Amino acid sequence: MVKFVLLTFACTLVLVSVESKAEKICPDPVAIEPCTCKMENDDLFLDCSLVTSEEQLAEILGQPLPSYDFKSFSIFDNWNLRTIPTGTFGSLTFEEVQLKGGSIEVIEPGALLGSVHTLKKLSIFNHELWSFPFEEVELYMQLGSLKFDYNRLEELPALKSSTLYKLDLSRNPLASVHEDVLQGLPNLMAVSFEACELTAVLPGTFTRLPKLNTVNLYSNNITHIPSGLMELHGTDSYVYMGINSVATIDVGAILGVSHFFDLDFNDLTEVEEGVWRPMLERGTGIYLVGNPLTCGCDIAWLIENPRFMSQLDPYAACANGTLLRDLQPSSFVGC
C-alpha cells in the first residue's frame, strides 16, 4: 500500500510537471497592461516598468494567470514605487528579480517569499532602499547573487545562506561592517563594499570563507589594514583597495591573494618586506601607483630582485616622481 501511494504521488508530480510546462504561456496583454510578457526558449519574462503605483502592481500580479512560473521579473527606471509590500507577487514565482533605477525605499518582510524555492538572482540597483528583510536570505534555497549597489542601506546584519556566492553592496552609506557579517556564507566567492564610506576594516571580516577569491574595497576611507583581515583562495584571487587612505599594513593582513593586489592612490610611504614578500613569492601582481613612497632603505630588498620588480605596475613611483623601475640596486648599497 505504501509503495503504491508513493508511486502514485511520484506519477502525479511528473504529470503536474509536464502539464505545467505545456501551459507556460504569457497572459493576455490587455489583462496585465501596462506590464508586458515575452517568451524566450520556453521561459517567461515579465516586465512591469510602466506601473503607476504599488496598488496597480499588486492588482495585476494578484489576478489569475495562465502561468505562474516566470524566469524573470523586472522594473526599470520607474519612480512611482516606494514600497514592495508583502503579497505583491501573489502566487507568481521567479528565478531572477531586477529592480533597476527608481525610488523604492522598503522591501517588506515576505514580499519575495513566494519565490523561496526558485529565486537565484536578486538585483536592486540605484534606488533609495534603506530597509530589506535580510533575515530571510537564508530561506531562499537557490539564491546565488545578491546585488544592492547604489542604495541607502546604513547597516547590515550577519547574513546566512548556504548558496550565496556573490554579494554586492557597493555605494551604500554603511560606514562600518561588523566582522561577523559574512561568516554565515560558506559559498561566498566575491564580495564588494566599494564606496561604502568605510573608515576601518576589522580582523577576521574576510576569513573562514573557503571559497572567497575576490574582495572589492575600492574608494573608501580605510587608513589601516590589520593582521588577519582576509584570506583568499584560488589561483586567480585578487583584492581592490585603490583610492583609500591606507598608510599602514600589518604583516599577515592579506593572505592567499594570487592574481593581483590593487593599492593604487593610497598613503603608503614604505614597502615593508614582511608585508609584501609573501605575495610576490606567490606571483601576485602589485599596484602601487599614486602612493607617496619615500624609496629609502625599506625598498632595497625589492629593487634588488628583478623577478619581484616585474610584478609591479611599471608606473609605480616614488614621491619625487622617480619610477621604481628606474631605481638602481647600486643606489642602495649600505642599506
Protein backbone atom coordinates (compact mmCIF):
# COMPACT_ATOMS: atom_id res chain seq x y z
CA MET A 1 0.00 0.00 0.00
CA VAL A 2 2.81 2.43 0.93
CA LYS A 3 4.70 1.72 -2.29
CA PHE A 4 1.51 2.25 -4.29
CA VAL A 5 0.86 5.59 -2.64
CA LEU A 6 4.44 6.76 -3.24
CA LEU A 7 4.33 5.61 -6.85
CA THR A 8 1.01 7.34 -7.39
CA PHE A 9 2.40 10.52 -5.81
CA ALA A 10 5.53 10.39 -7.99
CA CYS A 11 3.45 9.91 -11.12
CA THR A 12 1.26 12.81 -10.10
CA LEU A 13 4.33 15.03 -9.73
CA VAL A 14 5.51 14.05 -13.20
CA LEU A 15 2.10 14.73 -14.68
CA VAL A 16 1.88 18.09 -12.95
CA SER A 17 5.37 18.99 -14.15
CA VAL A 18 4.58 18.07 -17.75
CA GLU A 19 1.24 19.86 -17.61
CA SER A 20 2.84 22.94 -16.06
CA LYS A 21 5.48 23.03 -18.80
CA ALA A 22 2.84 22.68 -21.51
CA GLU A 23 0.82 25.57 -20.06
CA LYS A 24 3.72 28.00 -19.81
CA ILE A 25 2.27 30.83 -21.87
CA CYS A 26 2.15 34.60 -21.47
CA PRO A 27 -1.01 36.19 -20.05
CA ASP A 28 -3.42 38.20 -22.20
CA PRO A 29 -1.56 41.51 -22.83
CA VAL A 30 -4.70 43.51 -22.02
CA ALA A 31 -5.14 41.76 -18.67
CA ILE A 32 -1.68 42.73 -17.43
CA GLU A 33 -1.33 46.16 -19.06
CA PRO A 34 0.90 48.19 -18.57
CA CYS A 35 3.07 45.16 -17.72
CA THR A 36 4.35 43.11 -20.64
CA CYS A 37 5.31 39.47 -21.03
CA LYS A 38 7.54 37.74 -23.54
CA MET A 39 8.63 34.15 -24.04
CA GLU A 40 12.15 33.08 -24.97
CA ASN A 41 13.28 29.46 -25.12
CA ASP A 42 10.20 28.31 -23.18
CA ASP A 43 10.90 30.84 -20.42
CA LEU A 44 8.60 33.70 -19.45
CA PHE A 45 9.88 37.22 -18.80
CA LEU A 46 7.59 39.71 -17.08
CA ASP A 47 8.30 43.45 -17.13
CA CYS A 48 6.28 45.99 -15.15
CA SER A 49 8.38 49.10 -15.70
CA LEU A 50 5.36 51.26 -16.55
CA VAL A 51 3.16 50.63 -13.50
CA THR A 52 1.96 53.78 -11.77
CA SER A 53 1.52 52.59 -8.17
CA GLU A 54 2.01 49.77 -5.68
CA GLU A 55 -1.73 49.10 -5.81
CA GLN A 56 -1.76 48.72 -9.58
CA LEU A 57 1.21 46.36 -9.46
CA ALA A 58 -0.40 44.16 -6.80
CA GLU A 59 -3.70 44.08 -8.69
CA ILE A 60 -2.04 42.95 -11.92
CA LEU A 61 0.12 40.28 -10.29
CA GLY A 62 -2.59 39.03 -7.98
CA GLN A 63 -5.13 38.09 -10.64
CA PRO A 64 -5.49 34.55 -12.06
CA LEU A 65 -2.93 33.98 -14.81
CA PRO A 66 -2.42 31.06 -17.19
CA SER A 67 1.14 30.53 -15.88
CA TYR A 68 2.70 31.35 -12.54
CA ASP A 69 6.33 30.35 -13.07
CA PHE A 70 8.47 33.07 -14.66
CA LYS A 71 12.15 33.20 -15.48
CA SER A 72 12.46 36.90 -14.70
CA PHE A 73 10.61 39.87 -13.26
CA SER A 74 11.87 43.38 -13.94
CA ILE A 75 11.09 47.04 -13.31
CA PHE A 76 13.41 49.58 -14.93
CA ASP A 77 13.53 53.36 -14.44
CA ASN A 78 10.28 53.69 -12.50
CA TRP A 79 9.94 56.42 -9.87
CA ASN A 80 6.31 55.67 -8.95
CA LEU A 81 7.00 52.96 -6.37
CA ARG A 82 8.22 53.49 -2.81
CA THR A 83 7.49 50.08 -1.28
CA ILE A 84 7.20 46.45 -2.35
CA PRO A 85 4.59 45.23 0.16
CA THR A 86 4.09 41.70 1.41
CA GLY A 87 1.86 39.78 -1.01
CA THR A 88 2.65 41.93 -4.05
CA PHE A 89 3.62 38.97 -6.21
CA GLY A 90 0.67 36.78 -5.31
CA SER A 91 1.30 33.19 -6.46
CA LEU A 92 3.97 34.08 -9.03
CA THR A 93 7.48 32.66 -8.82
CA PHE A 94 10.69 33.98 -10.38
CA GLU A 95 14.28 32.90 -10.87
CA GLU A 96 15.53 36.46 -11.25
CA VAL A 97 14.19 39.78 -9.95
CA GLN A 98 15.65 43.03 -11.28
CA LEU A 99 14.60 46.42 -9.92
CA LYS A 100 16.90 48.96 -11.57
CA GLY A 101 16.51 52.71 -11.34
CA GLY A 102 13.80 54.19 -9.14
CA SER A 103 12.66 55.29 -5.69
CA ILE A 104 11.96 52.05 -3.82
CA GLU A 105 12.74 52.54 -0.13
CA VAL A 106 11.36 49.41 1.54
CA ILE A 107 11.05 45.73 0.67
CA GLU A 108 8.62 44.41 3.26
CA PRO A 109 9.18 41.06 5.02
CA GLY A 110 7.77 38.20 2.98
CA ALA A 111 7.47 40.28 -0.21
CA LEU A 112 9.51 37.78 -2.24
CA LEU A 113 8.97 34.58 -0.28
CA GLY A 114 6.72 33.16 -2.99
CA SER A 115 9.97 32.53 -4.87
CA VAL A 116 11.75 30.94 -1.92
CA HIS A 117 12.39 27.73 -3.92
CA THR A 118 13.21 29.37 -7.27
CA LEU A 119 14.96 32.73 -6.80
CA LYS A 120 18.58 32.67 -7.97
CA LYS A 121 19.41 36.34 -8.52
CA LEU A 122 18.10 39.50 -6.87
CA SER A 123 19.27 42.92 -8.04
CA ILE A 124 18.03 46.22 -6.60
CA PHE A 125 20.16 48.86 -8.30
CA ASN A 126 20.07 52.64 -7.93
CA HIS A 127 17.08 53.03 -5.64
CA GLU A 128 16.52 54.65 -2.23
CA LEU A 129 16.45 51.30 -0.42
CA TRP A 130 17.08 51.53 3.31
CA SER A 131 15.02 48.57 4.58
CA PHE A 132 15.25 44.95 3.43
CA PRO A 133 14.44 41.70 5.34
CA PHE A 134 17.98 40.33 5.36
CA GLU A 135 16.94 37.75 7.96
CA GLU A 136 15.02 35.97 5.19
CA VAL A 137 18.05 35.47 2.92
CA GLU A 138 18.81 32.04 4.38
CA LEU A 139 15.32 30.82 3.42
CA TYR A 140 15.96 31.07 -0.33
CA MET A 141 17.07 27.63 -1.44
CA GLN A 142 18.85 28.65 -4.68
CA LEU A 143 19.83 32.27 -4.15
CA GLY A 144 23.32 32.80 -5.59
CA SER A 145 23.63 36.52 -6.32
CA LEU A 146 22.52 39.48 -4.21
CA LYS A 147 23.23 42.96 -5.63
CA PHE A 148 22.09 46.08 -3.79
CA ASP A 149 24.51 48.64 -5.23
CA TYR A 150 23.69 52.36 -5.23
CA ASN A 151 21.13 52.43 -2.41
CA ARG A 152 20.81 53.90 1.11
CA LEU A 153 21.45 50.94 3.39
CA GLU A 154 23.17 52.08 6.57
CA GLU A 155 23.58 48.79 8.40
CA LEU A 156 23.97 45.14 7.59
CA PRO A 157 23.19 42.23 9.94
CA ALA A 158 25.06 38.93 9.98
CA LEU A 159 23.96 37.14 6.83
CA LYS A 160 23.24 33.45 6.46
CA SER A 161 22.97 31.46 3.24
CA SER A 162 24.29 28.10 2.10
CA THR A 163 24.04 29.08 -1.58
CA LEU A 164 25.02 32.76 -1.92
CA TYR A 165 28.24 33.16 -3.93
CA LYS A 166 28.13 36.86 -4.90
CA LEU A 167 27.32 39.85 -2.69
CA ASP A 168 27.49 43.45 -3.91
CA LEU A 169 26.64 46.30 -1.53
CA SER A 170 28.67 48.98 -3.28
CA ARG A 171 27.68 52.64 -2.93
CA ASN A 172 25.66 52.28 0.28
CA PRO A 173 26.49 54.53 3.27
CA LEU A 174 27.34 51.62 5.57
CA ALA A 175 30.26 53.40 7.28
CA SER A 176 31.24 50.14 9.02
CA VAL A 177 30.85 46.39 8.60
CA HIS A 178 30.82 44.00 11.56
CA GLU A 179 33.37 41.21 11.39
CA ASP A 180 30.62 38.54 11.56
CA VAL A 181 28.56 39.84 8.63
CA LEU A 182 29.91 37.31 6.13
CA GLN A 183 30.67 34.34 8.36
CA GLY A 184 27.38 32.58 7.60
CA LEU A 185 28.12 32.47 3.84
CA PRO A 186 30.28 29.37 3.26
CA ASN A 187 29.97 29.53 -0.55
CA LEU A 188 30.74 33.22 -0.94
CA MET A 189 33.21 33.82 -3.77
CA ALA A 190 33.04 37.56 -4.45
CA VAL A 191 32.08 40.48 -2.21
CA SER A 192 32.04 44.21 -2.89
CA PHE A 193 31.87 47.10 -0.45
CA GLU A 194 33.04 49.71 -2.94
CA ALA A 195 32.47 53.34 -1.90
CA CYS A 196 30.61 52.46 1.30
CA GLU A 197 32.24 55.21 3.39
CA LEU A 198 34.20 52.61 5.38
CA THR A 199 36.90 54.07 7.62
CA ALA A 200 38.15 50.78 9.06
CA VAL A 201 38.05 47.05 8.41
CA LEU A 202 38.18 44.55 11.25
CA PRO A 203 40.36 41.42 11.55
CA GLY A 204 38.52 38.27 10.53
CA THR A 205 35.95 40.00 8.33
CA PHE A 206 37.11 38.19 5.18
CA THR A 207 38.46 34.96 6.68
CA ARG A 208 36.98 31.50 7.30
CA LEU A 209 35.28 31.68 3.90
CA PRO A 210 36.67 28.68 2.00
CA LYS A 211 35.68 29.84 -1.49
CA LEU A 212 36.30 33.59 -1.24
CA ASN A 213 38.56 34.82 -4.02
CA THR A 214 37.56 38.43 -4.79
CA VAL A 215 37.24 41.37 -2.37
CA ASN A 216 36.45 44.89 -3.54
CA LEU A 217 37.01 47.71 -1.02
CA TYR A 218 37.72 50.34 -3.66
CA SER A 219 37.13 54.03 -2.92
CA ASN A 220 36.58 54.10 0.84
CA ASN A 221 38.36 55.91 3.67
CA ILE A 222 40.32 52.99 5.13
CA THR A 223 43.59 54.04 6.79
CA HIS A 224 44.98 50.76 8.15
CA ILE A 225 44.90 47.11 7.08
CA PRO A 226 45.11 44.94 10.20
CA SER A 227 46.65 41.50 10.55
CA GLY A 228 44.22 38.69 9.84
CA LEU A 229 41.84 40.79 7.74
CA MET A 230 41.36 38.36 4.87
CA GLU A 231 42.35 35.03 3.41
CA LEU A 232 41.57 34.32 -0.23
CA HIS A 233 41.50 31.08 -2.19
CA GLY A 234 42.08 30.02 -5.78
CA THR A 235 44.68 30.71 -8.45
CA ASP A 236 43.08 33.96 -9.67
CA SER A 237 42.20 35.68 -6.40
CA TYR A 238 42.51 39.45 -6.18
CA VAL A 239 41.82 42.49 -3.99
CA TYR A 240 40.78 46.02 -4.94
CA MET A 241 41.69 48.67 -2.36
CA GLY A 242 42.58 51.56 -4.62
CA ILE A 243 41.57 55.13 -3.68
CA ASN A 244 41.57 54.77 0.09
CA SER A 245 43.82 56.36 2.70
CA VAL A 246 45.85 53.29 3.64
CA ALA A 247 49.07 54.34 5.34
CA THR A 248 49.98 51.15 7.21
CA ILE A 249 49.62 47.41 6.62
CA ASP A 250 50.28 44.75 9.22
CA VAL A 251 52.26 41.61 8.42
CA GLY A 252 49.76 38.82 7.69
CA ALA A 253 46.94 41.19 6.80
CA ILE A 254 46.21 39.72 3.36
CA LEU A 255 46.73 36.01 2.77
CA GLY A 256 46.15 33.90 -0.32
CA VAL A 257 45.92 36.67 -2.92
CA SER A 258 47.42 35.22 -6.09
CA HIS A 259 46.41 37.35 -9.10
CA PHE A 260 46.83 40.96 -8.03
CA PHE A 261 46.52 43.37 -5.11
CA ASP A 262 45.47 46.90 -6.12
CA LEU A 263 46.52 49.63 -3.67
CA ASP A 264 46.77 52.49 -6.16
CA PHE A 265 46.28 56.01 -4.79
CA ASN A 266 46.70 55.42 -1.09
CA ASP A 267 49.07 56.92 1.50
CA LEU A 268 51.80 54.29 1.75
CA THR A 269 55.30 55.64 2.28
CA GLU A 270 57.12 52.32 2.74
CA VAL A 271 57.15 48.91 1.07
CA GLU A 272 57.82 46.63 4.02
CA GLU A 273 59.39 43.29 3.15
CA GLY A 274 57.41 41.33 5.74
CA VAL A 275 54.15 42.52 4.22
CA TRP A 276 54.91 42.19 0.52
CA ARG A 277 57.43 39.38 0.04
CA PRO A 278 54.91 36.54 0.68
CA MET A 279 52.60 37.93 -2.01
CA LEU A 280 55.36 38.48 -4.54
CA GLU A 281 56.69 34.97 -3.95
CA ARG A 282 53.24 33.68 -4.92
CA GLY A 283 53.47 35.59 -8.21
CA THR A 284 50.99 38.27 -7.17
CA GLY A 285 50.88 41.49 -9.18
CA ILE A 286 51.14 44.63 -7.03
CA TYR A 287 49.69 48.03 -7.96
CA LEU A 288 51.15 50.97 -6.04
CA VAL A 289 50.67 53.94 -8.37
CA GLY A 290 49.86 57.19 -6.57
CA ASN A 291 51.43 56.36 -3.20
CA PRO A 292 53.97 58.81 -1.69
CA LEU A 293 56.76 56.22 -1.38
CA THR A 294 59.93 57.57 0.22
CA CYS A 295 62.03 54.94 -1.56
CA GLY A 296 64.52 54.62 1.28
CA CYS A 297 66.25 51.50 2.57
CA ASP A 298 62.85 49.89 3.14
CA ILE A 299 62.60 49.29 -0.60
CA ALA A 300 66.12 47.95 -1.23
CA TRP A 301 65.05 44.29 -0.99
CA LEU A 302 62.53 44.90 -3.78
CA ILE A 303 64.76 46.84 -6.16
CA GLU A 304 67.43 44.13 -5.92
CA ASN A 305 65.04 41.40 -7.11
CA PRO A 306 64.28 41.55 -10.87
CA ARG A 307 61.50 38.99 -10.62
CA PHE A 308 59.67 40.94 -7.95
CA MET A 309 60.13 44.19 -9.89
CA SER A 310 58.49 42.59 -12.93
CA GLN A 311 55.37 42.01 -10.83
CA LEU A 312 54.94 45.70 -10.00
CA ASP A 313 52.84 48.10 -12.02
CA PRO A 314 55.50 49.76 -14.25
CA TYR A 315 54.21 53.22 -13.34
CA ALA A 316 54.68 52.82 -9.57
CA ALA A 317 56.81 55.77 -8.47
CA CYS A 318 58.49 57.42 -5.52
CA ALA A 319 57.02 60.57 -4.03
CA ASN A 320 59.55 62.62 -6.04
CA GLY A 321 58.26 61.12 -9.31
CA THR A 322 61.08 58.65 -9.95
CA LEU A 323 59.72 55.38 -11.29
CA LEU A 324 60.63 52.37 -9.19
CA ARG A 325 61.74 50.58 -12.36
CA ASP A 326 64.37 53.29 -12.89
CA LEU A 327 65.96 52.83 -9.46
CA GLN A 328 69.30 51.01 -9.45
CA PRO A 329 70.37 48.44 -6.83
CA SER A 330 73.69 50.29 -6.56
CA SER A 331 71.82 53.23 -5.03
CA PHE A 332 71.01 51.10 -2.00
CA VAL A 333 74.49 49.88 -1.11
CA GLY A 334 74.90 50.14 2.64
CA CYS A 335 71.22 49.71 3.43
